N, C-alpha and C. Protein backbone atom coordinates (compact mmCIF):
# COMPACT_ATOMS: atom_id res chain seq x y z
N MET A 1 -3.83 -18.20 4.66
CA MET A 1 -2.88 -17.89 3.64
C MET A 1 -2.05 -19.31 3.71
N ARG A 2 -1.95 -19.56 4.93
CA ARG A 2 -0.75 -21.06 5.20
C ARG A 2 -1.53 -22.00 4.49
N ALA A 3 -2.93 -22.37 4.64
CA ALA A 3 -3.56 -23.40 4.05
C ALA A 3 -3.50 -23.41 2.30
N TYR A 4 -3.70 -22.23 1.98
CA TYR A 4 -3.30 -22.20 0.36
C TYR A 4 -1.76 -22.51 0.17
N PHE A 5 -0.94 -21.95 0.95
CA PHE A 5 0.64 -22.47 0.67
C PHE A 5 0.82 -23.88 0.59
N ASP A 6 0.23 -24.33 1.82
CA ASP A 6 0.50 -25.89 2.06
C ASP A 6 -0.01 -26.67 0.97
N ALA A 7 -1.35 -26.21 0.47
CA ALA A 7 -1.91 -27.07 -0.78
C ALA A 7 -1.44 -26.52 -2.15
N ASN A 8 -0.41 -25.60 -2.20
CA ASN A 8 0.22 -25.24 -3.56
C ASN A 8 -0.87 -24.75 -4.33
N GLU A 9 -1.85 -23.87 -3.59
CA GLU A 9 -2.94 -23.22 -4.37
C GLU A 9 -2.74 -21.74 -4.40
N PRO A 10 -3.04 -20.99 -5.49
CA PRO A 10 -2.86 -19.48 -5.61
C PRO A 10 -4.01 -18.95 -4.36
N ILE A 11 -3.38 -17.84 -3.85
CA ILE A 11 -4.61 -16.95 -2.79
C ILE A 11 -5.58 -16.44 -3.56
N PRO A 12 -6.78 -16.65 -3.51
CA PRO A 12 -7.70 -15.78 -4.11
C PRO A 12 -7.99 -14.45 -3.69
N TRP A 13 -6.96 -13.75 -4.03
CA TRP A 13 -6.85 -12.02 -3.26
C TRP A 13 -8.13 -11.40 -3.96
N GLN A 14 -8.73 -10.61 -3.16
CA GLN A 14 -9.74 -9.67 -3.32
C GLN A 14 -9.10 -8.11 -3.07
N ARG A 15 -8.95 -7.62 -4.10
CA ARG A 15 -8.34 -6.09 -4.19
C ARG A 15 -9.21 -5.08 -3.24
N VAL A 16 -8.38 -4.60 -2.38
CA VAL A 16 -8.96 -3.47 -1.41
C VAL A 16 -8.62 -2.16 -1.89
N TYR A 17 -7.61 -1.81 -2.60
CA TYR A 17 -7.08 -0.85 -3.05
C TYR A 17 -6.82 -0.75 -4.38
N VAL A 18 -7.16 0.39 -5.17
CA VAL A 18 -7.09 0.26 -6.66
C VAL A 18 -6.55 1.64 -7.01
N LEU A 19 -5.23 1.60 -7.43
CA LEU A 19 -4.68 3.01 -7.92
C LEU A 19 -4.82 3.25 -9.43
N PRO A 20 -4.82 4.23 -9.96
CA PRO A 20 -5.08 4.52 -11.30
C PRO A 20 -3.81 3.94 -12.04
N ARG A 21 -4.08 3.56 -13.28
CA ARG A 21 -3.07 2.92 -13.90
C ARG A 21 -1.75 3.61 -14.24
N PHE A 22 -2.07 5.17 -14.17
CA PHE A 22 -0.82 6.07 -14.46
C PHE A 22 0.06 6.00 -13.28
N VAL A 23 -0.30 5.58 -12.00
CA VAL A 23 0.42 5.73 -10.77
C VAL A 23 1.36 4.61 -10.52
N HIS A 24 2.61 4.84 -10.30
CA HIS A 24 3.31 3.70 -9.79
C HIS A 24 3.56 3.78 -8.57
N PHE A 25 3.26 2.53 -7.93
CA PHE A 25 3.33 2.48 -6.39
C PHE A 25 4.35 1.12 -6.09
N SER A 26 5.36 1.29 -5.16
CA SER A 26 6.10 0.30 -4.96
C SER A 26 6.01 0.10 -3.39
N HIS A 27 5.55 -1.03 -2.96
CA HIS A 27 5.81 -1.52 -1.59
C HIS A 27 7.14 -1.47 -1.10
N GLU A 28 8.17 -2.12 -1.86
CA GLU A 28 9.47 -2.27 -1.60
C GLU A 28 10.26 -0.92 -1.25
N SER A 29 9.88 0.04 -1.99
CA SER A 29 10.63 1.45 -1.62
C SER A 29 10.01 1.88 -0.29
N HIS A 30 8.82 1.83 -0.04
CA HIS A 30 8.00 2.41 1.08
C HIS A 30 8.57 1.42 2.42
N PHE A 31 9.09 0.00 2.01
CA PHE A 31 9.28 -0.91 3.25
C PHE A 31 10.76 -0.24 3.51
N HIS A 32 11.61 -0.22 2.35
CA HIS A 32 13.06 0.14 2.65
C HIS A 32 12.99 1.52 3.50
N ALA A 33 12.01 2.43 3.14
CA ALA A 33 11.96 3.81 3.81
C ALA A 33 11.19 3.69 5.34
N GLY A 34 11.27 2.64 5.74
CA GLY A 34 10.65 2.30 7.15
C GLY A 34 9.28 2.72 7.39
N VAL A 35 8.46 2.91 6.28
CA VAL A 35 6.85 3.09 6.42
C VAL A 35 6.37 1.88 6.88
N ASP A 36 5.57 1.91 8.16
CA ASP A 36 4.82 0.83 8.61
C ASP A 36 3.72 0.58 7.71
N CYS A 37 3.36 -0.64 7.48
CA CYS A 37 2.38 -1.06 6.89
C CYS A 37 1.00 -0.44 7.29
N ALA A 38 0.95 -0.49 8.76
CA ALA A 38 -0.40 0.03 9.44
C ALA A 38 -0.51 1.37 8.97
N GLU A 39 0.20 2.19 8.57
CA GLU A 39 0.05 3.84 8.11
C GLU A 39 -0.84 3.85 6.91
N CYS A 40 -0.89 3.03 5.99
CA CYS A 40 -1.89 2.85 4.94
C CYS A 40 -2.86 1.84 4.99
N HIS A 41 -2.58 0.67 5.47
CA HIS A 41 -3.37 -0.35 5.73
C HIS A 41 -4.06 -0.51 6.97
N GLY A 42 -3.79 0.05 7.93
CA GLY A 42 -4.46 -0.02 9.23
C GLY A 42 -3.86 -1.26 9.90
N GLU A 43 -4.53 -1.47 11.13
CA GLU A 43 -3.98 -2.61 11.99
C GLU A 43 -4.60 -4.23 11.53
N VAL A 44 -3.92 -4.37 10.24
CA VAL A 44 -4.30 -5.62 9.59
C VAL A 44 -4.46 -6.98 10.52
N PRO A 45 -3.49 -6.96 11.50
CA PRO A 45 -3.59 -8.38 12.33
C PRO A 45 -4.92 -8.40 13.08
N ARG A 46 -5.52 -7.18 13.55
CA ARG A 46 -6.43 -7.22 14.41
C ARG A 46 -7.82 -7.12 13.68
N MET A 47 -7.86 -7.06 12.25
CA MET A 47 -9.14 -6.99 11.25
C MET A 47 -9.60 -8.38 11.10
N GLU A 48 -11.04 -8.67 11.29
CA GLU A 48 -11.66 -10.09 10.93
C GLU A 48 -11.69 -9.98 9.37
N HIS A 49 -12.15 -8.82 8.90
CA HIS A 49 -12.01 -8.64 7.37
C HIS A 49 -11.10 -7.62 7.06
N LEU A 50 -10.39 -7.65 6.02
CA LEU A 50 -9.66 -6.39 5.63
C LEU A 50 -10.49 -5.39 5.06
N ALA A 51 -10.11 -4.29 5.41
CA ALA A 51 -10.85 -3.13 4.92
C ALA A 51 -10.18 -1.97 4.46
N ARG A 52 -10.55 -0.88 3.63
CA ARG A 52 -9.87 0.14 3.18
C ARG A 52 -9.98 1.15 4.54
N VAL A 53 -8.63 1.66 5.19
CA VAL A 53 -8.77 2.36 6.16
C VAL A 53 -8.17 3.86 5.63
N ARG A 54 -7.82 4.19 4.41
CA ARG A 54 -7.32 5.30 4.27
C ARG A 54 -7.70 5.56 2.36
N GLU A 55 -8.18 6.75 2.10
CA GLU A 55 -8.42 6.91 0.84
C GLU A 55 -6.98 7.19 0.34
N LEU A 56 -6.43 6.64 -0.66
CA LEU A 56 -5.12 6.91 -1.15
C LEU A 56 -5.16 8.08 -2.35
N THR A 57 -5.64 9.20 -1.77
CA THR A 57 -5.50 10.29 -2.73
C THR A 57 -4.05 11.01 -3.03
N MET A 58 -3.88 11.77 -3.93
CA MET A 58 -2.60 12.17 -4.52
C MET A 58 -2.38 13.12 -3.23
N GLY A 59 -3.23 13.98 -2.73
CA GLY A 59 -3.03 14.90 -1.69
C GLY A 59 -2.39 14.07 -0.42
N TRP A 60 -2.91 13.00 0.06
CA TRP A 60 -2.56 12.21 1.06
C TRP A 60 -1.14 11.93 0.89
N CYS A 61 -0.88 11.17 -0.30
CA CYS A 61 0.47 10.57 -0.62
C CYS A 61 1.50 11.81 -0.72
N VAL A 62 1.25 13.03 -1.42
CA VAL A 62 2.17 14.18 -1.17
C VAL A 62 2.45 14.77 0.21
N GLU A 63 1.54 14.67 1.11
CA GLU A 63 1.66 15.19 2.24
C GLU A 63 2.53 14.33 3.01
N CYS A 64 2.30 12.96 2.95
CA CYS A 64 3.30 11.94 3.60
C CYS A 64 4.69 12.11 3.05
N HIS A 65 4.83 12.37 1.76
CA HIS A 65 6.09 12.38 1.31
C HIS A 65 6.85 13.75 1.96
N ARG A 66 6.23 14.78 1.91
CA ARG A 66 6.79 15.98 2.40
C ARG A 66 7.03 15.91 4.04
N GLN A 67 6.17 15.39 4.52
CA GLN A 67 6.57 14.97 6.05
C GLN A 67 7.67 14.23 6.31
N ARG A 68 7.96 13.18 5.32
CA ARG A 68 9.18 12.44 5.74
C ARG A 68 10.44 12.93 4.74
N GLY A 69 10.40 13.87 4.06
CA GLY A 69 11.46 14.32 3.09
C GLY A 69 11.59 13.47 2.08
N ALA A 70 10.57 12.70 1.66
CA ALA A 70 10.60 11.92 0.22
C ALA A 70 10.33 12.98 -0.73
N SER A 71 10.72 12.51 -1.89
CA SER A 71 10.50 13.28 -3.17
C SER A 71 9.09 13.49 -3.54
N ASP A 72 8.74 14.82 -3.82
CA ASP A 72 7.34 14.93 -4.41
C ASP A 72 7.42 15.20 -5.74
N ASP A 73 8.39 15.09 -6.44
CA ASP A 73 8.54 15.32 -7.92
C ASP A 73 7.51 14.18 -8.44
N CYS A 74 6.89 14.83 -9.70
CA CYS A 74 5.81 14.07 -10.25
C CYS A 74 6.16 12.72 -10.79
N LEU A 75 7.43 12.62 -11.15
CA LEU A 75 7.86 11.41 -11.94
C LEU A 75 8.22 10.22 -10.97
N THR A 76 8.04 10.71 -9.49
CA THR A 76 8.35 9.54 -8.59
C THR A 76 7.38 8.70 -8.59
N CYS A 77 5.95 9.21 -8.79
CA CYS A 77 4.75 8.19 -8.69
C CYS A 77 4.21 7.96 -10.04
N HIS A 78 4.07 8.99 -10.94
CA HIS A 78 3.70 8.90 -12.14
C HIS A 78 4.32 8.74 -13.18
N TYR A 79 3.92 7.86 -14.27
CA TYR A 79 4.50 7.49 -15.47
C TYR A 79 4.60 8.66 -16.56
């Protein structure tokens, strides 16, 4: 990524996770809540190639919200 930054070129991202269009997800709110990136994305620094480590299903997300005391109101994540 540094090489792209230094060359002022866009990073050619390849999507690993795709959520339905009616789902709203904010990395910012999860970051501020103290959720470690590895909980959803795995140990990225140790990966040679990024890979999906979790199936981001509604049930998995709801369970995580309930364990952390986060809102499980439908409008928290759905438009």
